[in-house]
Amino acid sequence: MSILDEILNKSYSSKLEKGKKADFWEQFLTDIDSSTTKSEKKKDSEFDFEESDSYFDSFWSEILFSEDDDSSTENKINEARVKKLDNQLTQELIYLLKEEDFEFGYKTRSEQLISEQLQINALATRNWLNEIFLNYYSDETIIIGILRIIGRFDPLHIFPQGQTIALAALTHKNDEIKELGIRAFEQWCSVESLNILKKLDLEKNWLQEYVNDVINDFEEQLCHI
Protein backbone atom coordinates (compact mmCIF):
# COMPACT_ATOMS: atom_id res chain seq x y z
CA MET A 1 0.00 0.00 0.00
CA SER A 2 1.36 3.47 -0.93
CA ILE A 3 1.90 6.33 1.55
CA LEU A 4 -1.26 8.08 0.34
CA ASP A 5 -3.24 4.86 0.64
CA GLU A 6 -2.41 4.69 4.32
CA ILE A 7 -3.17 8.37 4.90
CA LEU A 8 -6.37 8.77 2.90
CA ASN A 9 -7.91 5.48 4.04
CA LYS A 10 -8.23 6.98 7.52
CA SER A 11 -11.35 8.95 6.42
CA TYR A 12 -10.18 12.45 7.26
CA SER A 13 -13.57 13.89 6.35
CA SER A 14 -14.85 12.82 9.75
CA LYS A 15 -12.25 15.08 11.34
CA LEU A 16 -13.22 18.19 9.41
CA GLU A 17 -15.76 19.28 12.00
CA LYS A 18 -15.88 22.97 12.79
CA GLY A 19 -13.26 23.91 15.38
CA LYS A 20 -11.14 20.79 14.71
CA LYS A 21 -9.34 21.80 11.53
CA ALA A 22 -6.11 22.63 13.35
CA ASP A 23 -6.09 19.15 14.91
CA PHE A 24 -6.84 17.66 11.52
CA TRP A 25 -3.83 19.26 9.83
CA GLU A 26 -1.54 18.34 12.71
CA GLN A 27 -2.66 14.72 12.49
CA PHE A 28 -2.37 14.82 8.69
CA LEU A 29 1.28 15.86 8.84
CA THR A 30 2.02 13.35 11.59
CA ASP A 31 0.58 10.53 9.50
CA ILE A 32 2.65 11.58 6.51
CA ASP A 33 5.84 11.39 8.59
CA SER A 34 4.80 8.08 10.09
CA SER A 35 3.86 6.55 6.76
CA THR A 36 7.06 7.81 5.14
CA THR A 37 9.16 6.14 7.84
CA LYS A 38 7.34 2.85 7.29
CA SER A 39 7.76 3.02 3.55
CA GLU A 40 11.53 3.53 3.85
CA LYS A 41 11.77 0.10 5.48
CA LYS A 42 10.18 -1.54 2.45
CA LYS A 43 12.81 -2.21 -0.17
CA ASP A 44 10.35 -3.00 -2.88
CA SER A 45 8.09 0.03 -2.16
CA GLU A 46 7.56 2.41 -5.11
CA PHE A 47 5.73 5.74 -5.13
CA ASP A 48 3.09 5.88 -7.86
CA PHE A 49 2.92 9.57 -8.88
CA GLU A 50 0.02 9.06 -11.27
CA GLU A 51 -1.96 7.34 -8.55
CA SER A 52 -1.05 10.02 -6.01
CA ASP A 53 -2.45 12.81 -8.20
CA SER A 54 -5.87 11.21 -8.23
CA TYR A 55 -5.75 10.69 -4.48
CA PHE A 56 -4.86 14.33 -3.87
CA ASP A 57 -7.65 15.47 -6.18
CA SER A 58 -10.11 13.39 -4.21
CA PHE A 59 -8.64 14.53 -0.91
CA TRP A 60 -8.86 18.28 -1.64
CA SER A 61 -12.33 17.92 -3.14
CA GLU A 62 -13.40 16.35 0.13
CA ILE A 63 -12.05 19.33 2.06
CA LEU A 64 -13.72 21.86 -0.24
CA PHE A 65 -17.06 20.09 -0.03
CA SER A 66 -16.73 20.10 3.75
CA GLU A 67 -16.23 23.89 3.73
CA ASP A 68 -19.30 24.27 1.49
CA ASP A 69 -21.24 22.23 4.02
CA ASP A 70 -20.06 24.62 6.74
CA SER A 71 -21.39 27.55 4.71
CA SER A 72 -24.70 25.81 4.17
CA THR A 73 -24.91 25.08 7.88
CA GLU A 74 -24.30 28.75 8.71
CA ASN A 75 -27.13 29.77 6.38
CA LYS A 76 -29.48 27.32 8.06
CA ILE A 77 -28.45 28.59 11.50
CA ASN A 78 -29.17 32.20 10.49
CA GLU A 79 -32.51 31.18 8.96
CA ALA A 80 -33.39 29.48 12.24
CA ARG A 81 -32.44 32.62 14.18
CA VAL A 82 -34.65 34.79 11.97
CA LYS A 83 -37.52 32.35 12.41
CA LYS A 84 -37.03 32.41 16.17
CA LEU A 85 -37.15 36.21 16.19
CA ASP A 86 -40.27 36.11 14.05
CA ASN A 87 -42.02 33.65 16.36
CA GLN A 88 -41.02 35.31 19.62
CA LEU A 89 -40.80 39.05 18.94
CA THR A 90 -42.60 40.09 15.76
CA GLN A 91 -46.00 40.56 17.33
CA GLU A 92 -44.51 42.46 20.27
CA LEU A 93 -42.65 44.79 17.93
CA ILE A 94 -45.74 45.34 15.77
CA TYR A 95 -47.76 46.22 18.85
CA LEU A 96 -45.12 48.69 20.05
CA LEU A 97 -44.77 50.34 16.64
CA LYS A 98 -48.51 50.93 16.54
CA GLU A 99 -48.85 52.22 20.09
CA GLU A 100 -45.70 54.25 20.74
CA ASP A 101 -45.11 57.92 20.04
CA PHE A 102 -41.72 58.79 18.64
CA GLU A 103 -40.21 61.84 20.28
CA PHE A 104 -36.85 63.48 19.64
CA GLY A 105 -34.26 62.45 22.23
CA TYR A 106 -36.48 59.71 23.66
CA LYS A 107 -35.66 56.04 23.11
CA THR A 108 -38.81 54.02 22.61
CA ARG A 109 -39.30 50.44 23.73
CA SER A 110 -39.43 49.29 20.09
CA GLU A 111 -36.07 50.92 19.37
CA GLN A 112 -34.63 49.36 22.51
CA LEU A 113 -35.93 45.93 21.51
CA ILE A 114 -34.27 46.14 18.08
CA SER A 115 -31.06 47.50 19.60
CA GLU A 116 -30.89 44.59 22.04
CA GLN A 117 -31.33 42.05 19.24
CA LEU A 118 -28.69 43.75 17.09
CA GLN A 119 -26.23 43.27 19.92
CA ILE A 120 -27.14 39.58 20.19
CA ASN A 121 -27.07 38.80 16.46
CA ALA A 122 -26.84 41.71 14.02
CA LEU A 123 -27.26 39.70 10.79
CA ALA A 124 -30.36 37.81 11.92
CA THR A 125 -31.91 40.99 13.35
CA ARG A 126 -31.36 42.99 10.16
CA ASN A 127 -32.88 40.19 8.08
CA TRP A 128 -35.79 39.91 10.47
CA LEU A 129 -36.44 43.66 10.31
CA ASN A 130 -36.27 43.56 6.52
CA GLU A 131 -38.85 40.76 6.43
CA ILE A 132 -41.21 42.76 8.65
CA PHE A 133 -40.82 45.78 6.37
CA LEU A 134 -41.71 43.68 3.31
CA ASN A 135 -44.59 41.85 4.97
CA TYR A 136 -46.15 45.04 6.37
CA TYR A 137 -45.39 47.35 3.44
CA SER A 138 -49.07 48.22 3.10
CA ASP A 139 -49.36 49.11 6.80
CA GLU A 140 -48.19 52.72 6.88
CA THR A 141 -48.01 52.91 10.66
CA ILE A 142 -45.57 50.00 10.83
CA ILE A 143 -43.44 51.29 7.96
CA ILE A 144 -43.26 54.78 9.47
CA GLY A 145 -42.18 53.32 12.80
CA ILE A 146 -39.43 51.19 11.25
CA LEU A 147 -38.07 54.14 9.25
CA ARG A 148 -37.98 56.36 12.32
CA ILE A 149 -36.01 53.70 14.20
CA ILE A 150 -33.42 52.66 11.62
CA GLY A 151 -32.31 56.25 11.08
CA ARG A 152 -31.21 56.38 14.73
CA PHE A 153 -28.76 53.51 14.39
CA ASP A 154 -25.16 53.74 13.25
CA PRO A 155 -25.26 53.14 9.46
CA LEU A 156 -22.66 50.37 9.76
CA HIS A 157 -24.78 48.50 12.33
CA ILE A 158 -27.83 48.51 10.09
CA PHE A 159 -26.02 47.99 6.76
CA PRO A 160 -27.09 46.92 4.17
CA GLN A 161 -30.70 46.10 5.04
CA GLY A 162 -31.34 49.49 6.64
CA GLN A 163 -30.21 51.36 3.55
CA THR A 164 -32.27 49.06 1.33
CA ILE A 165 -35.34 49.72 3.47
CA ALA A 166 -34.81 53.50 3.23
CA LEU A 167 -34.50 53.27 -0.56
CA ALA A 168 -37.62 51.09 -0.83
CA ALA A 169 -39.52 53.74 1.16
CA LEU A 170 -39.02 56.17 -1.73
CA THR A 171 -41.29 54.03 -3.91
CA HIS A 172 -44.18 54.12 -1.42
CA LYS A 173 -47.27 56.13 -2.34
CA ASN A 174 -47.28 57.82 1.08
CA ASP A 175 -45.31 61.10 0.98
CA GLU A 176 -44.47 60.94 4.68
CA ILE A 177 -42.87 57.53 4.17
CA LYS A 178 -40.85 58.87 1.24
CA GLU A 179 -39.68 61.79 3.38
CA LEU A 180 -38.69 59.46 6.22
CA GLY A 181 -36.65 57.39 3.77
CA ILE A 182 -34.63 60.49 2.88
CA ARG A 183 -34.43 61.52 6.53
CA ALA A 184 -32.86 58.17 7.40
CA PHE A 185 -30.03 58.88 4.95
CA GLU A 186 -29.78 62.40 6.36
CA GLN A 187 -29.35 61.04 9.89
CA TRP A 188 -26.65 58.59 8.78
CA CYS A 189 -24.66 61.42 7.16
CA SER A 190 -22.09 59.22 5.44
CA VAL A 191 -20.27 59.21 2.11
CA GLU A 192 -22.36 56.19 1.09
CA SER A 193 -25.57 58.08 1.86
CA LEU A 194 -24.33 61.07 -0.12
CA ASN A 195 -23.59 58.91 -3.16
CA ILE A 196 -27.05 57.33 -3.00
CA LEU A 197 -28.88 60.65 -2.66
CA LYS A 198 -26.99 62.08 -5.64
CA LYS A 199 -28.49 59.32 -7.79
CA LEU A 200 -32.09 60.18 -6.87
CA ASP A 201 -34.41 61.96 -9.28
CA LEU A 202 -37.78 62.32 -7.59
CA GLU A 203 -40.95 63.45 -9.34
CA LYS A 204 -42.22 65.75 -6.62
CA ASN A 205 -40.33 69.03 -6.57
CA TRP A 206 -40.54 69.60 -2.81
CA LEU A 207 -39.11 66.14 -2.16
CA GLN A 208 -36.27 66.61 -4.63
CA GLU A 209 -35.53 69.99 -3.07
CA TYR A 210 -35.26 68.27 0.30
CA VAL A 211 -32.80 65.79 -1.22
CA ASN A 212 -30.77 68.62 -2.72
CA ASP A 213 -30.61 70.42 0.62
CA VAL A 214 -29.39 67.25 2.34
CA ILE A 215 -26.75 66.76 -0.37
CA ASN A 216 -25.49 70.33 0.14
CA ASP A 217 -25.34 69.82 3.92
CA PHE A 218 -23.48 66.52 3.47
CA GLU A 219 -20.90 68.02 1.15
CA GLU A 220 -20.29 70.82 3.61
CA GLN A 221 -20.04 68.52 6.63
CA LEU A 222 -18.10 65.65 5.07
CA CYS A 223 -15.42 67.87 3.56
CA HIS A 224 -14.51 68.97 7.10
CA ILE A 225 -14.14 65.45 8.46
C-alpha atoms as a PDB file:
ATOM      1  CA  MET A   1       0.000   0.000   0.000  1.00  0.00           C
ATOM      2  CA  SER A   2       1.361   3.469  -0.930  1.00  0.00           C
ATOM      3  CA  ILE A   3       1.903   6.330   1.547  1.00  0.00           C
ATOM      4  CA  LEU A   4      -1.256   8.077   0.340  1.00  0.00           C
ATOM      5  CA  ASP A   5      -3.239   4.855   0.637  1.00  0.00           C
ATOM      6  CA  GLU A   6      -2.414   4.685   4.318  1.00  0.00           C
ATOM      7  CA  ILE A   7      -3.172   8.372   4.899  1.00  0.00           C
ATOM      8  CA  LEU A   8      -6.368   8.771   2.903  1.00  0.00           C
ATOM      9  CA  ASN A   9      -7.912   5.479   4.037  1.00  0.00           C
ATOM     10  CA  LYS A  10      -8.226   6.975   7.523  1.00  0.00           C
ATOM     11  CA  SER A  11     -11.351   8.947   6.417  1.00  0.00           C
ATOM     12  CA  TYR A  12     -10.182  12.446   7.257  1.00  0.00           C
ATOM     13  CA  SER A  13     -13.568  13.888   6.353  1.00  0.00           C
ATOM     14  CA  SER A  14     -14.854  12.822   9.749  1.00  0.00           C
ATOM     15  CA  LYS A  15     -12.252  15.084  11.338  1.00  0.00           C
ATOM     16  CA  LEU A  16     -13.221  18.189   9.411  1.00  0.00           C
ATOM     17  CA  GLU A  17     -15.762  19.285  11.998  1.00  0.00           C
ATOM     18  CA  LYS A  18     -15.879  22.972  12.791  1.00  0.00           C
ATOM     19  CA  GLY A  19     -13.262  23.913  15.380  1.00  0.00           C
ATOM     20  CA  LYS A  20     -11.137  20.786  14.713  1.00  0.00           C
ATOM     21  CA  LYS A  21      -9.342  21.803  11.533  1.00  0.00           C
ATOM     22  CA  ALA A  22      -6.107  22.632  13.355  1.00  0.00           C
ATOM     23  CA  ASP A  23      -6.092  19.148  14.915  1.00  0.00           C
ATOM     24  CA  PHE A  24      -6.837  17.658  11.518  1.00  0.00           C
ATOM     25  CA  TRP A  25      -3.834  19.258   9.832  1.00  0.00           C
ATOM     26  CA  GLU A  26      -1.538  18.344  12.714  1.00  0.00           C
ATOM     27  CA  GLN A  27      -2.661  14.724  12.488  1.00  0.00           C
ATOM     28  CA  PHE A  28      -2.374  14.817   8.692  1.00  0.00           C
ATOM     29  CA  LEU A  29       1.278  15.861   8.837  1.00  0.00           C
ATOM     30  CA  THR A  30       2.019  13.351  11.591  1.00  0.00           C
ATOM     31  CA  ASP A  31       0.584  10.533   9.502  1.00  0.00           C
ATOM     32  CA  ILE A  32       2.651  11.577   6.508  1.00  0.00           C
ATOM     33  CA  ASP A  33       5.842  11.393   8.587  1.00  0.00           C
ATOM     34  CA  SER A  34       4.799   8.078  10.088  1.00  0.00           C
ATOM     35  CA  SER A  35       3.863   6.551   6.758  1.00  0.00           C
ATOM     36  CA  THR A  36       7.061   7.810   5.136  1.00  0.00           C
ATOM     37  CA  THR A  37       9.157   6.138   7.842  1.00  0.00           C
ATOM     38  CA  LYS A  38       7.338   2.852   7.289  1.00  0.00           C
ATOM     39  CA  SER A  39       7.762   3.021   3.555  1.00  0.00           C
ATOM     40  CA  GLU A  40      11.527   3.531   3.849  1.00  0.00           C
ATOM     41  CA  LYS A  41      11.771   0.104   5.475  1.00  0.00           C
ATOM     42  CA  LYS A  42      10.178  -1.543   2.455  1.00  0.00           C
ATOM     43  CA  LYS A  43      12.808  -2.212  -0.169  1.00  0.00           C
ATOM     44  CA  ASP A  44      10.346  -2.996  -2.878  1.00  0.00           C
ATOM     45  CA  SER A  45       8.090   0.026  -2.164  1.00  0.00           C
ATOM     46  CA  GLU A  46       7.565   2.411  -5.111  1.00  0.00           C
ATOM     47  CA  PHE A  47       5.731   5.743  -5.125  1.00  0.00           C
ATOM     48  CA  ASP A  48       3.085   5.885  -7.861  1.00  0.00           C
ATOM     49  CA  PHE A  49       2.916   9.570  -8.881  1.00  0.00           C
ATOM     50  CA  GLU A  50       0.024   9.057 -11.275  1.00  0.00           C
ATOM     51  CA  GLU A  51      -1.958   7.335  -8.549  1.00  0.00           C
ATOM     52  CA  SER A  52      -1.046  10.016  -6.007  1.00  0.00           C
ATOM     53  CA  ASP A  53      -2.445  12.815  -8.197  1.00  0.00           C
ATOM     54  CA  SER A  54      -5.871  11.212  -8.231  1.00  0.00           C
ATOM     55  CA  TYR A  55      -5.745  10.686  -4.475  1.00  0.00           C
ATOM     56  CA  PHE A  56      -4.857  14.327  -3.869  1.00  0.00           C
ATOM     57  CA  ASP A  57      -7.651  15.475  -6.183  1.00  0.00           C
ATOM     58  CA  SER A  58     -10.110  13.386  -4.213  1.00  0.00           C
ATOM     59  CA  PHE A  59      -8.645  14.533  -0.914  1.00  0.00           C
ATOM     60  CA  TRP A  60      -8.860  18.280  -1.643  1.00  0.00           C
ATOM     61  CA  SER A  61     -12.326  17.922  -3.139  1.00  0.00           C
ATOM     62  CA  GLU A  62     -13.398  16.349   0.132  1.00  0.00           C
ATOM     63  CA  ILE A  63     -12.048  19.327   2.058  1.00  0.00           C
ATOM     64  CA  LEU A  64     -13.723  21.863  -0.242  1.00  0.00           C
ATOM     65  CA  PHE A  65     -17.059  20.091  -0.027  1.00  0.00           C
ATOM     66  CA  SER A  66     -16.729  20.096   3.753  1.00  0.00           C
ATOM     67  CA  GLU A  67     -16.227  23.886   3.725  1.00  0.00           C
ATOM     68  CA  ASP A  68     -19.301  24.267   1.488  1.00  0.00           C
ATOM     69  CA  ASP A  69     -21.241  22.227   4.015  1.00  0.00           C
ATOM     70  CA  ASP A  70     -20.062  24.618   6.737  1.00  0.00           C
ATOM     71  CA  SER A  71     -21.391  27.553   4.708  1.00  0.00           C
ATOM     72  CA  SER A  72     -24.703  25.806   4.166  1.00  0.00           C
ATOM     73  CA  THR A  73     -24.908  25.078   7.880  1.00  0.00           C
ATOM     74  CA  GLU A  74     -24.302  28.755   8.712  1.00  0.00           C
ATOM     75  CA  ASN A  75     -27.128  29.772   6.383  1.00  0.00           C
ATOM     76  CA  LYS A  76     -29.478  27.317   8.058  1.00  0.00           C
ATOM     77  CA  ILE A  77     -28.453  28.593  11.496  1.00  0.00           C
ATOM     78  CA  ASN A  78     -29.173  32.196  10.486  1.00  0.00           C
ATOM     79  CA  GLU A  79     -32.505  31.183   8.962  1.00  0.00           C
ATOM     80  CA  ALA A  80     -33.390  29.478  12.237  1.00  0.00           C
ATOM     81  CA  ARG A  81     -32.442  32.620  14.177  1.00  0.00           C
ATOM     82  CA  VAL A  82     -34.650  34.793  11.972  1.00  0.00           C
ATOM     83  CA  LYS A  83     -37.523  32.346  12.407  1.00  0.00           C
ATOM     84  CA  LYS A  84     -37.034  32.408  16.165  1.00  0.00           C
ATOM     85  CA  LEU A  85     -37.154  36.212  16.191  1.00  0.00           C
ATOM     86  CA  ASP A  86     -40.272  36.110  14.052  1.00  0.00           C
ATOM     87  CA  ASN A  87     -42.023  33.647  16.361  1.00  0.00           C
ATOM     88  CA  GLN A  88     -41.015  35.309  19.618  1.00  0.00           C
ATOM     89  CA  LEU A  89     -40.797  39.048  18.945  1.00  0.00           C
ATOM     90  CA  THR A  90     -42.602  40.094  15.758  1.00  0.00           C
ATOM     91  CA  GLN A  91     -46.001  40.562  17.334  1.00  0.00           C
ATOM     92  CA  GLU A  92     -44.510  42.456  20.272  1.00  0.00           C
ATOM     93  CA  LEU A  93     -42.647  44.788  17.928  1.00  0.00           C
ATOM     94  CA  ILE A  94     -45.742  45.336  15.774  1.00  0.00           C
ATOM     95  CA  TYR A  95     -47.761  46.222  18.850  1.00  0.00           C
ATOM     96  CA  LEU A  96     -45.118  48.693  20.048  1.00  0.00           C
ATOM     97  CA  LEU A  97     -44.770  50.340  16.637  1.00  0.00           C
ATOM     98  CA  LYS A  98     -48.508  50.927  16.540  1.00  0.00           C
ATOM     99  CA  GLU A  99     -48.852  52.216  20.094  1.00  0.00           C
ATOM    100  CA  GLU A 100     -45.704  54.247  20.745  1.00  0.00           C
ATOM    101  CA  ASP A 101     -45.109  57.921  20.040  1.00  0.00           C
ATOM    102  CA  PHE A 102     -41.717  58.793  18.641  1.00  0.00           C
ATOM    103  CA  GLU A 103     -40.212  61.839  20.276  1.00  0.00           C
ATOM    104  CA  PHE A 104     -36.848  63.485  19.639  1.00  0.00           C
ATOM    105  CA  GLY A 105     -34.261  62.447  22.232  1.00  0.00           C
ATOM    106  CA  TYR A 106     -36.479  59.711  23.659  1.00  0.00           C
ATOM    107  CA  LYS A 107     -35.656  56.038  23.111  1.00  0.00           C
ATOM    108  CA  THR A 108     -38.808  54.017  22.615  1.00  0.00           C
ATOM    109  CA  ARG A 109     -39.299  50.444  23.727  1.00  0.00           C
ATOM    110  CA  SER A 110     -39.434  49.292  20.087  1.00  0.00           C
ATOM    111  CA  GLU A 111     -36.071  50.920  19.374  1.00  0.00           C
ATOM    112  CA  GLN A 112     -34.634  49.365  22.514  1.00  0.00           C
ATOM    113  CA  LEU A 113     -35.933  45.935  21.513  1.00  0.00           C
ATOM    114  CA  ILE A 114     -34.268  46.137  18.080  1.00  0.00           C
ATOM    115  CA  SER A 115     -31.062  47.496  19.600  1.00  0.00           C
ATOM    116  CA  GLU A 116     -30.889  44.586  22.041  1.00  0.00           C
ATOM    117  CA  GLN A 117     -31.332  42.054  19.245  1.00  0.00           C
ATOM    118  CA  LEU A 118     -28.691  43.751  17.086  1.00  0.00           C
ATOM    119  CA  GLN A 119     -26.227  43.265  19.918  1.00  0.00           C
ATOM    120  CA  ILE A 120     -27.141  39.579  20.186  1.00  0.00           C
ATOM    121  CA  ASN A 121     -27.067  38.800  16.459  1.00  0.00           C
ATOM    122  CA  ALA A 122     -26.843  41.706  14.016  1.00  0.00           C
ATOM    123  CA  LEU A 123     -27.264  39.704  10.791  1.00  0.00           C
ATOM    124  CA  ALA A 124     -30.356  37.814  11.916  1.00  0.00           C
ATOM    125  CA  THR A 125     -31.907  40.992  13.346  1.00  0.00           C
ATOM    126  CA  ARG A 126     -31.358  42.988  10.155  1.00  0.00           C
ATOM    127  CA  ASN A 127     -32.878  40.193   8.076  1.00  0.00           C
ATOM    128  CA  TRP A 128     -35.792  39.912  10.475  1.00  0.00           C
ATOM    129  CA  LEU A 129     -36.444  43.659  10.313  1.00  0.00           C
ATOM    130  CA  ASN A 130     -36.271  43.560   6.525  1.00  0.00           C
ATOM    131  CA  GLU A 131     -38.848  40.764   6.430  1.00  0.00           C
ATOM    132  CA  ILE A 132     -41.214  42.763   8.649  1.00  0.00           C
ATOM    133  CA  PHE A 133     -40.822  45.780   6.368  1.00  0.00           C
ATOM    134  CA  LEU A 134     -41.715  43.683   3.310  1.00  0.00           C
ATOM    135  CA  ASN A 135     -44.595  41.845   4.972  1.00  0.00           C
ATOM    136  CA  TYR A 136     -46.149  45.036   6.369  1.00  0.00           C
ATOM    137  CA  TYR A 137     -45.390  47.346   3.445  1.00  0.00           C
ATOM    138  CA  SER A 138     -49.074  48.216   3.102  1.00  0.00           C
ATOM    139  CA  ASP A 139     -49.362  49.108   6.797  1.00  0.00           C
ATOM    140  CA  GLU A 140     -48.194  52.720   6.877  1.00  0.00           C
ATOM    141  CA  THR A 141     -48.009  52.912  10.660  1.00  0.00           C
ATOM    142  CA  ILE A 142     -45.567  49.999  10.830  1.00  0.00           C
ATOM    143  CA  ILE A 143     -43.444  51.291   7.957  1.00  0.00           C
ATOM    144  CA  ILE A 144     -43.256  54.779   9.471  1.00  0.00           C
ATOM    145  CA  GLY A 145     -42.182  53.321  12.805  1.00  0.00           C
ATOM    146  CA  ILE A 146     -39.433  51.188  11.249  1.00  0.00           C
ATOM    147  CA  LEU A 147     -38.075  54.143   9.252  1.00  0.00           C
ATOM    148  CA  ARG A 148     -37.983  56.361  12.323  1.00  0.00           C
ATOM    149  CA  ILE A 149     -36.012  53.699  14.203  1.00  0.00           C
ATOM    150  CA  ILE A 150     -33.420  52.655  11.619  1.00  0.00           C
ATOM    151  CA  GLY A 151     -32.308  56.252  11.083  1.00  0.00           C
ATOM    152  CA  ARG A 152     -31.212  56.382  14.726  1.00  0.00           C
ATOM    153  CA  PHE A 153     -28.760  53.514  14.388  1.00  0.00           C
ATOM    154  CA  ASP A 154     -25.158  53.738  13.254  1.00  0.00           C
ATOM    155  CA  PRO A 155     -25.255  53.142   9.455  1.00  0.00           C
ATOM    156  CA  LEU A 156     -22.661  50.372   9.758  1.00  0.00           C
ATOM    157  CA  HIS A 157     -24.776  48.505  12.328  1.00  0.00           C
ATOM    158  CA  ILE A 158     -27.831  48.510  10.089  1.00  0.00           C
ATOM    159  CA  PHE A 159     -26.022  47.986   6.756  1.00  0.00           C
ATOM    160  CA  PRO A 160     -27.087  46.923   4.174  1.00  0.00           C
ATOM    161  CA  GLN A 161     -30.701  46.095   5.039  1.00  0.00           C
ATOM    162  CA  GLY A 162     -31.336  49.486   6.639  1.00  0.00           C
ATOM    163  CA  GLN A 163     -30.206  51.358   3.546  1.00  0.00           C
ATOM    164  CA  THR A 164     -32.272  49.055   1.330  1.00  0.00           C
ATOM    165  CA  ILE A 165     -35.340  49.725   3.471  1.00  0.00           C
ATOM    166  CA  ALA A 166     -34.814  53.499   3.227  1.00  0.00           C
ATOM    167  CA  LEU A 167     -34.501  53.266  -0.562  1.00  0.00           C
ATOM    168  CA  ALA A 168     -37.616  51.092  -0.827  1.00  0.00           C
ATOM    169  CA  ALA A 169     -39.517  53.743   1.160  1.00  0.00           C
ATOM    170  CA  LEU A 170     -39.022  56.172  -1.733  1.00  0.00           C
ATOM    171  CA  THR A 171     -41.288  54.029  -3.914  1.00  0.00           C
ATOM    172  CA  HIS A 172     -44.185  54.121  -1.422  1.00  0.00           C
ATOM    173  CA  LYS A 173     -47.270  56.130  -2.335  1.00  0.00           C
ATOM    174  CA  ASN A 174     -47.285  57.823   1.082  1.00  0.00           C
ATOM    175  CA  ASP A 175     -45.313  61.103   0.984  1.00  0.00           C
ATOM    176  CA  GLU A 176     -44.472  60.942   4.684  1.00  0.00           C
ATOM    177  CA  ILE A 177     -42.870  57.534   4.171  1.00  0.00           C
ATOM    178  CA  LYS A 178     -40.847  58.873   1.238  1.00  0.00           C
ATOM    179  CA  GLU A 179     -39.682  61.790   3.375  1.00  0.00           C
ATOM    180  CA  LEU A 180     -38.686  59.460   6.215  1.00  0.00           C
ATOM    181  CA  GLY A 181     -36.645  57.387   3.765  1.00  0.00           C
ATOM    182  CA  ILE A 182     -34.631  60.494   2.885  1.00  0.00           C
ATOM    183  CA  ARG A 183     -34.431  61.519   6.531  1.00  0.00           C
ATOM    184  CA  ALA A 184     -32.862  58.170   7.403  1.00  0.00           C
ATOM    185  CA  PHE A 185     -30.031  58.883   4.953  1.00  0.00           C
ATOM    186  CA  GLU A 186     -29.784  62.401   6.359  1.00  0.00           C
ATOM    187  CA  GLN A 187     -29.350  61.045   9.886  1.00  0.00           C
ATOM    188  CA  TRP A 188     -26.654  58.585   8.775  1.00  0.00           C
ATOM    189  CA  CYS A 189     -24.657  61.418   7.157  1.00  0.00           C
ATOM    190  CA  SER A 190     -22.094  59.216   5.440  1.00  0.00           C
ATOM    191  CA  VAL A 191     -20.273  59.213   2.114  1.00  0.00           C
ATOM    192  CA  GLU A 192     -22.358  56.191   1.086  1.00  0.00           C
ATOM    193  CA  SER A 193     -25.571  58.079   1.862  1.00  0.00           C
ATOM    194  CA  LEU A 194     -24.333  61.075  -0.121  1.00  0.00           C
ATOM    195  CA  ASN A 195     -23.590  58.908  -3.155  1.00  0.00           C
ATOM    196  CA  ILE A 196     -27.053  57.328  -3.000  1.00  0.00           C
ATOM    197  CA  LEU A 197     -28.879  60.651  -2.664  1.00  0.00           C
ATOM    198  CA  LYS A 198     -26.990  62.079  -5.635  1.00  0.00           C
ATOM    199  CA  LYS A 199     -28.490  59.319  -7.791  1.00  0.00           C
ATOM    200  CA  LEU A 200     -32.095  60.183  -6.875  1.00  0.00           C
ATOM    201  CA  ASP A 201     -34.410  61.964  -9.281  1.00  0.00           C
ATOM    202  CA  LEU A 202     -37.777  62.319  -7.593  1.00  0.00           C
ATOM    203  CA  GLU A 203     -40.954  63.449  -9.342  1.00  0.00           C
ATOM    204  CA  LYS A 204     -42.220  65.754  -6.618  1.00  0.00           C
ATOM    205  CA  ASN A 205     -40.335  69.033  -6.565  1.00  0.00           C
ATOM    206  CA  TRP A 206     -40.535  69.598  -2.808  1.00  0.00           C
ATOM    207  CA  LEU A 207     -39.107  66.143  -2.160  1.00  0.00           C
ATOM    208  CA  GLN A 208     -36.269  66.612  -4.634  1.00  0.00           C
ATOM    209  CA  GLU A 209     -35.533  69.994  -3.074  1.00  0.00           C
ATOM    210  CA  TYR A 210     -35.263  68.268   0.298  1.00  0.00           C
ATOM    211  CA  VAL A 211     -32.798  65.790  -1.220  1.00  0.00           C
ATOM    212  CA  ASN A 212     -30.770  68.625  -2.724  1.00  0.00           C
ATOM    213  CA  ASP A 213     -30.615  70.424   0.622  1.00  0.00           C
ATOM    214  CA  VAL A 214     -29.393  67.245   2.337  1.00  0.00           C
ATOM    215  CA  ILE A 215     -26.747  66.762  -0.367  1.00  0.00           C
ATOM    216  CA  ASN A 216     -25.486  70.325   0.143  1.00  0.00           C
ATOM    217  CA  ASP A 217     -25.336  69.822   3.916  1.00  0.00           C
ATOM    218  CA  PHE A 218     -23.481  66.523   3.466  1.00  0.00           C
ATOM    219  CA  GLU A 219     -20.903  68.017   1.146  1.00  0.00           C
ATOM    220  CA  GLU A 220     -20.287  70.821   3.608  1.00  0.00           C
ATOM    221  CA  GLN A 221     -20.044  68.519   6.629  1.00  0.00           C
ATOM    222  CA  LEU A 222     -18.103  65.646   5.068  1.00  0.00           C
ATOM    223  CA  CYS A 223     -15.422  67.873   3.561  1.00  0.00           C
ATOM    224  CA  HIS A 224     -14.513  68.969   7.097  1.00  0.00           C
ATOM    225  CA  ILE A 225     -14.144  65.447   8.456  1.00  0.00           C
END
